Amino acid sequence: MKKAFGYTEEDIKMILIPMGENAQEPVGSMGNHAALSVLSDRPQLLYCYFKQLFAQVTNPPIDPYRENLVMSLMSFIGKESNLLEETPLHCHQLKLSHPILSNEDMDKLYNINVEGITSSSITLHFPAQSGPEELEKALARVCKEAEEKVDEGNSLLILTDRGINKEQAPIPALLAVSRVHHCLICKGRRHLTGLVIETGEAKEVMDFAVLIGFGASAVNPYLAFETLAYLKEKNKLSKDIKLETLFENYINAVKKGLLKIMSKMGVSTIRSYRGA
């Protein structure tokens, strides 16, 4: 699974373990001096092709702490009603305190049964032995399914790459979420549903930021959680820490990282960042 989703030993030792143990992104040097992905001969995840922008003002990294009253990761997800009116129907949305969902949260979303809020899932798979044409067909199928499920009245769409195997490869999560986001915009249906992505790809803060920037309302990094659980089981952590605390620390590290990334463009909320 880790090979299929592009995990490296460096990712696990330098990123995942510090986030799980210390609830903090690992500290690195200023700037990213890695070679451009477009020039690499090795396969790269799509997230590696994106760079973070800075606003042309002095935004110190303490902004998220200093401005915490006006920076927020809270968002509403589901069917959006007319922005120019106020009705009881406007309240039929799910309130998320932050966009990082645990595996338990996903179980609740799959089985949600609240008036006005229903969910449906779409698998992000394509034949592993095929070429780009099959990937293109799979993306078209995902978009068609998304339209149909929105027309059926589902206010939450869960895009999931769980269940991959030797025959079925995962569609890159970023490619899928951005394609569905824009397909629904073109059909005038984007406001009728919220996009949740359940993926093994997302592990570091940049991955979450890019997914949210391209339209995801929430992300479940199930393989990151499973990897942390495996590391604890095999005693590969430097601290004796409860599994629940390990997961909680990882989520807190991602939350802090998202606030830090948003503050590079000035004081903002996750709702202004999503789909931007």
Protein backbone atom coordinates (compact mmCIF):
# COMPACT_ATOMS: atom_id res chain seq x y z
CA MET A 1 0.00 0.00 0.00
CA LYS A 2 2.80 2.41 0.91
CA LYS A 3 4.59 1.67 -2.37
CA ALA A 4 1.39 2.16 -4.34
CA PHE A 5 0.80 5.58 -2.76
CA GLY A 6 4.39 6.80 -3.08
CA TYR A 7 5.53 6.58 0.56
CA THR A 8 9.29 6.66 1.15
CA GLU A 9 11.39 5.81 4.22
CA GLU A 10 12.19 9.53 4.46
CA ASP A 11 8.47 10.42 4.56
CA ILE A 12 7.93 8.03 7.46
CA LYS A 13 11.02 8.94 9.51
CA MET A 14 11.20 12.69 8.82
CA ILE A 15 7.51 13.62 8.51
CA LEU A 16 5.01 11.09 9.88
CA ILE A 17 6.81 10.07 13.08
CA PRO A 18 7.60 13.66 14.25
CA MET A 19 4.01 14.72 13.52
CA GLY A 20 2.60 11.76 15.48
CA GLU A 21 4.98 12.11 18.42
CA ASN A 22 5.22 15.90 18.78
CA ALA A 23 1.96 17.24 17.26
CA GLN A 24 4.17 19.52 15.18
CA GLU A 25 5.45 19.66 11.62
CA PRO A 26 9.18 18.89 11.51
CA VAL A 27 11.31 22.03 11.28
CA GLY A 28 13.37 22.37 8.09
CA SER A 29 15.57 24.96 6.44
CA MET A 30 14.04 28.05 4.84
CA GLY A 31 12.83 27.25 1.33
CA ASN A 32 12.53 24.00 -0.59
CA HIS A 33 15.66 23.12 -2.54
CA ALA A 34 14.37 19.85 -3.99
CA ALA A 35 14.79 19.51 -7.74
CA LEU A 36 11.76 20.42 -9.86
CA SER A 37 9.45 17.41 -10.24
CA VAL A 38 8.90 18.17 -13.91
CA LEU A 39 12.62 17.48 -14.54
CA SER A 40 12.69 14.20 -12.57
CA ASP A 41 13.02 10.78 -14.21
CA ARG A 42 11.25 9.14 -11.27
CA PRO A 43 7.46 9.00 -10.75
CA GLN A 44 6.24 11.87 -8.54
CA LEU A 45 2.99 12.51 -6.72
CA LEU A 46 0.97 15.38 -8.21
CA TYR A 47 1.41 17.45 -5.03
CA CYS A 48 5.15 17.71 -5.78
CA TYR A 49 4.42 19.80 -8.89
CA PHE A 50 2.92 22.64 -6.81
CA LYS A 51 4.72 25.35 -4.86
CA GLN A 52 3.43 27.57 -2.06
CA LEU A 53 3.11 31.27 -2.80
CA PHE A 54 3.88 34.10 -0.39
CA ALA A 55 2.03 37.39 -0.29
CA GLN A 56 4.33 40.36 -0.91
CA VAL A 57 4.03 41.53 2.69
CA THR A 58 5.80 40.57 5.90
CA ASN A 59 3.79 37.66 7.27
CA PRO A 60 5.75 36.09 10.13
CA PRO A 61 4.98 32.43 10.94
CA ILE A 62 3.45 33.47 14.27
CA ASP A 63 0.44 34.96 12.48
CA PRO A 64 -1.83 31.92 13.07
CA TYR A 65 -1.22 32.22 16.83
CA ARG A 66 -1.37 36.00 17.03
CA GLU A 67 -4.44 36.21 14.80
CA ASN A 68 -6.22 33.08 16.03
CA LEU A 69 -9.44 35.02 16.66
CA VAL A 70 -9.86 35.72 12.95
CA MET A 71 -8.25 32.59 11.42
CA SER A 72 -10.37 29.46 11.37
CA LEU A 73 -10.36 25.88 10.09
CA MET A 74 -14.10 25.52 10.75
CA SER A 75 -16.31 24.98 7.73
CA PHE A 76 -19.77 23.85 6.74
CA ILE A 77 -20.16 20.98 4.29
CA GLY A 78 -23.19 19.89 2.29
CA LYS A 79 -25.85 21.47 0.13
CA GLU A 80 -25.54 25.26 -0.05
CA SER A 81 -28.67 27.36 -0.47
CA ASN A 82 -29.04 30.82 -1.99
CA LEU A 83 -26.47 33.18 -0.40
CA LEU A 84 -28.86 36.13 -0.76
CA GLU A 85 -31.57 34.58 1.44
CA GLU A 86 -31.90 33.18 4.95
CA THR A 87 -34.16 30.16 5.48
CA PRO A 88 -34.19 27.12 7.80
CA LEU A 89 -32.89 25.07 4.84
CA HIS A 90 -29.62 26.99 5.02
CA CYS A 91 -28.89 25.13 8.28
CA HIS A 92 -28.99 21.67 6.68
CA GLN A 93 -25.23 21.37 6.57
CA LEU A 94 -22.60 19.54 8.56
CA LYS A 95 -20.31 21.68 10.70
CA LEU A 96 -16.68 20.53 10.75
CA SER A 97 -14.32 22.05 13.31
CA HIS A 98 -11.43 21.21 10.94
CA PRO A 99 -11.05 19.39 7.60
CA ILE A 100 -9.01 16.36 8.78
CA LEU A 101 -11.25 13.34 9.35
CA SER A 102 -10.34 10.23 11.34
CA ASN A 103 -11.38 6.72 10.26
CA GLU A 104 -14.14 6.85 12.91
CA ASP A 105 -15.40 10.12 11.43
CA MET A 106 -15.58 8.41 8.02
CA ASP A 107 -17.70 5.59 9.45
CA LYS A 108 -20.15 8.22 10.69
CA LEU A 109 -20.24 9.95 7.29
CA TYR A 110 -20.84 6.68 5.43
CA ASN A 111 -23.77 5.89 7.73
CA ILE A 112 -25.11 9.42 8.16
CA ASN A 113 -28.88 9.52 8.41
CA VAL A 114 -29.92 13.08 9.14
CA GLU A 115 -32.80 14.88 7.49
CA GLY A 116 -31.44 16.79 4.49
CA ILE A 117 -27.95 15.23 4.67
CA THR A 118 -27.13 12.01 2.81
CA SER A 119 -23.82 10.65 1.55
CA SER A 120 -22.68 8.44 -1.30
CA SER A 121 -19.24 7.15 -2.31
CA ILE A 122 -17.39 6.94 -5.63
CA THR A 123 -14.35 4.66 -6.08
CA LEU A 124 -11.20 6.10 -7.60
CA HIS A 125 -9.79 3.07 -9.42
CA PHE A 126 -8.65 2.27 -12.96
CA PRO A 127 -7.08 -0.87 -14.53
CA ALA A 128 -3.47 -1.08 -13.32
CA GLN A 129 -2.02 -2.55 -16.54
CA SER A 130 -3.58 0.05 -18.83
CA GLY A 131 -2.35 3.40 -20.11
CA PRO A 132 -3.47 7.04 -19.97
CA GLU A 133 -6.58 6.35 -22.08
CA GLU A 134 -8.06 4.13 -19.34
CA LEU A 135 -7.25 6.76 -16.71
CA GLU A 136 -9.10 9.34 -18.82
CA LYS A 137 -12.09 6.98 -19.12
CA ALA A 138 -12.03 6.37 -15.36
CA LEU A 139 -12.06 10.14 -14.68
CA ALA A 140 -15.03 10.54 -17.05
CA ARG A 141 -16.81 7.72 -15.18
CA VAL A 142 -16.13 9.39 -11.81
CA CYS A 143 -17.56 12.71 -13.09
CA LYS A 144 -20.66 10.98 -14.51
CA GLU A 145 -21.24 9.14 -11.22
CA ALA A 146 -20.79 12.40 -9.29
CA GLU A 147 -23.46 14.13 -11.41
CA GLU A 148 -25.88 11.21 -10.99
CA LYS A 149 -25.37 11.05 -7.22
CA VAL A 150 -25.90 14.81 -6.88
CA ASP A 151 -29.09 14.52 -8.95
CA GLU A 152 -30.24 11.78 -6.57
CA GLY A 153 -30.00 14.34 -3.76
CA ASN A 154 -26.77 13.31 -2.02
CA SER A 155 -25.34 16.34 -0.22
CA LEU A 156 -21.99 14.63 0.51
CA LEU A 157 -19.85 12.86 -2.07
CA ILE A 158 -17.05 10.66 -0.71
CA LEU A 159 -14.28 10.04 -3.26
CA THR A 160 -12.34 7.00 -2.06
CA ASP A 161 -9.30 5.08 -3.29
CA ARG A 162 -9.63 2.30 -0.70
CA GLY A 163 -9.54 -1.27 -2.01
CA ILE A 164 -6.74 -1.01 -4.57
CA ASN A 165 -4.96 -4.23 -5.62
CA LYS A 166 -2.76 -5.63 -8.40
CA GLU A 167 -5.57 -5.22 -10.92
CA GLN A 168 -6.92 -1.84 -9.76
CA ALA A 169 -4.63 1.20 -9.40
CA PRO A 170 -5.69 4.42 -7.63
CA ILE A 171 -6.63 7.50 -9.65
CA PRO A 172 -4.46 10.31 -8.19
CA ALA A 173 -6.68 11.88 -5.52
CA LEU A 174 -5.80 15.46 -6.50
CA LEU A 175 -6.63 14.78 -10.15
CA ALA A 176 -9.98 13.22 -9.19
CA VAL A 177 -11.11 15.89 -6.73
CA SER A 178 -10.17 18.78 -9.05
CA ARG A 179 -11.87 17.11 -12.03
CA VAL A 180 -15.11 16.46 -10.10
CA HIS A 181 -15.02 20.00 -8.64
CA HIS A 182 -14.81 21.58 -12.10
CA CYS A 183 -17.25 19.14 -13.75
CA LEU A 184 -19.90 20.03 -11.18
CA ILE A 185 -19.17 23.76 -11.61
CA CYS A 186 -19.64 23.42 -15.40
CA LYS A 187 -22.98 21.62 -14.87
CA GLY A 188 -24.16 24.22 -12.33
CA ARG A 189 -24.38 21.65 -9.53
CA ARG A 190 -21.30 22.31 -7.39
CA HIS A 191 -23.25 24.12 -4.65
CA LEU A 192 -25.48 21.07 -4.15
CA THR A 193 -22.84 18.84 -2.55
CA GLY A 194 -19.67 18.76 -0.47
CA LEU A 195 -16.59 16.75 -1.53
CA VAL A 196 -14.86 14.48 0.98
CA ILE A 197 -11.68 12.68 -0.14
CA GLU A 198 -10.65 9.38 1.49
CA THR A 199 -7.12 8.75 0.24
CA GLY A 200 -3.91 6.90 1.01
CA GLU A 201 -1.88 9.62 -0.75
CA ALA A 202 -2.21 12.49 1.73
CA LYS A 203 0.40 12.42 4.48
CA GLU A 204 2.11 15.82 4.81
CA VAL A 205 0.55 19.24 5.29
CA MET A 206 1.18 20.37 1.69
CA ASP A 207 -0.94 17.43 0.42
CA PHE A 208 -3.93 18.52 2.50
CA ALA A 209 -3.53 22.18 1.51
CA VAL A 210 -3.49 21.38 -2.22
CA LEU A 211 -6.50 19.04 -1.97
CA ILE A 212 -8.50 21.71 -0.11
CA GLY A 213 -7.31 24.41 -2.53
CA PHE A 214 -8.71 22.35 -5.41
CA GLY A 215 -12.14 21.81 -3.87
CA ALA A 216 -12.11 19.18 -1.11
CA SER A 217 -14.07 20.08 2.02
CA ALA A 218 -12.50 17.34 4.14
CA VAL A 219 -9.72 14.75 3.84
CA ASN A 220 -9.27 11.34 5.48
CA PRO A 221 -5.61 10.18 5.25
CA TYR A 222 -6.37 6.57 6.19
CA LEU A 223 -2.97 5.16 5.20
CA ALA A 224 -1.15 7.74 7.36
CA PHE A 225 -3.19 6.56 10.37
CA GLU A 226 -2.59 2.90 9.51
CA THR A 227 1.15 3.55 9.11
CA LEU A 228 1.35 5.24 12.53
CA ALA A 229 -0.55 2.32 14.09
CA TYR A 230 1.87 -0.14 12.43
CA LEU A 231 4.91 1.81 13.70
CA LYS A 232 3.55 1.73 17.24
CA GLU A 233 2.79 -1.98 17.01
CA LYS A 234 6.37 -2.69 15.86
CA ASN A 235 7.87 -0.41 18.59
CA LYS A 236 9.47 1.90 16.03
CA LEU A 237 8.53 5.11 17.86
CA SER A 238 10.91 6.90 20.22
CA LYS A 239 8.10 7.69 22.69
CA ASP A 240 5.67 5.42 24.54
CA ILE A 241 2.44 7.05 23.44
CA LYS A 242 -1.18 5.90 23.28
CA LEU A 243 -2.56 5.16 19.82
CA GLU A 244 -5.40 7.70 20.22
CA THR A 245 -2.87 10.37 21.27
CA LEU A 246 -0.69 9.48 18.28
CA PHE A 247 -3.61 10.07 15.88
CA GLU A 248 -4.65 13.22 17.73
CA ASN A 249 -1.11 14.62 17.55
CA TYR A 250 -0.94 13.93 13.82
CA ILE A 251 -4.24 15.74 13.19
CA ASN A 252 -3.11 18.69 15.35
CA ALA A 253 0.16 18.91 13.39
CA VAL A 254 -1.78 19.09 10.10
CA LYS A 255 -4.13 21.73 11.55
CA LYS A 256 -1.21 23.93 12.64
CA GLY A 257 0.44 23.45 9.26
CA LEU A 258 -2.69 24.49 7.35
CA LEU A 259 -2.97 27.68 9.39
CA LYS A 260 0.71 28.41 8.72
CA ILE A 261 0.27 27.92 4.96
CA MET A 262 -2.84 30.12 4.84
CA SER A 263 -1.08 32.87 6.78
CA LYS A 264 1.52 33.16 3.99
CA MET A 265 -1.22 34.77 1.91
CA GLY A 266 -2.48 36.84 4.85
CA VAL A 267 -5.15 36.33 7.49
CA SER A 268 -7.77 33.96 6.11
CA THR A 269 -10.19 31.13 6.88
CA ILE A 270 -10.32 27.64 5.40
CA ARG A 271 -13.63 28.55 3.74
CA SER A 272 -11.94 31.22 1.64
CA TYR A 273 -9.05 28.86 0.83
CA ARG A 274 -11.24 25.92 -0.32
CA GLY A 275 -11.55 25.70 -4.10
CA ALA A 276 -9.51 28.88 -4.51
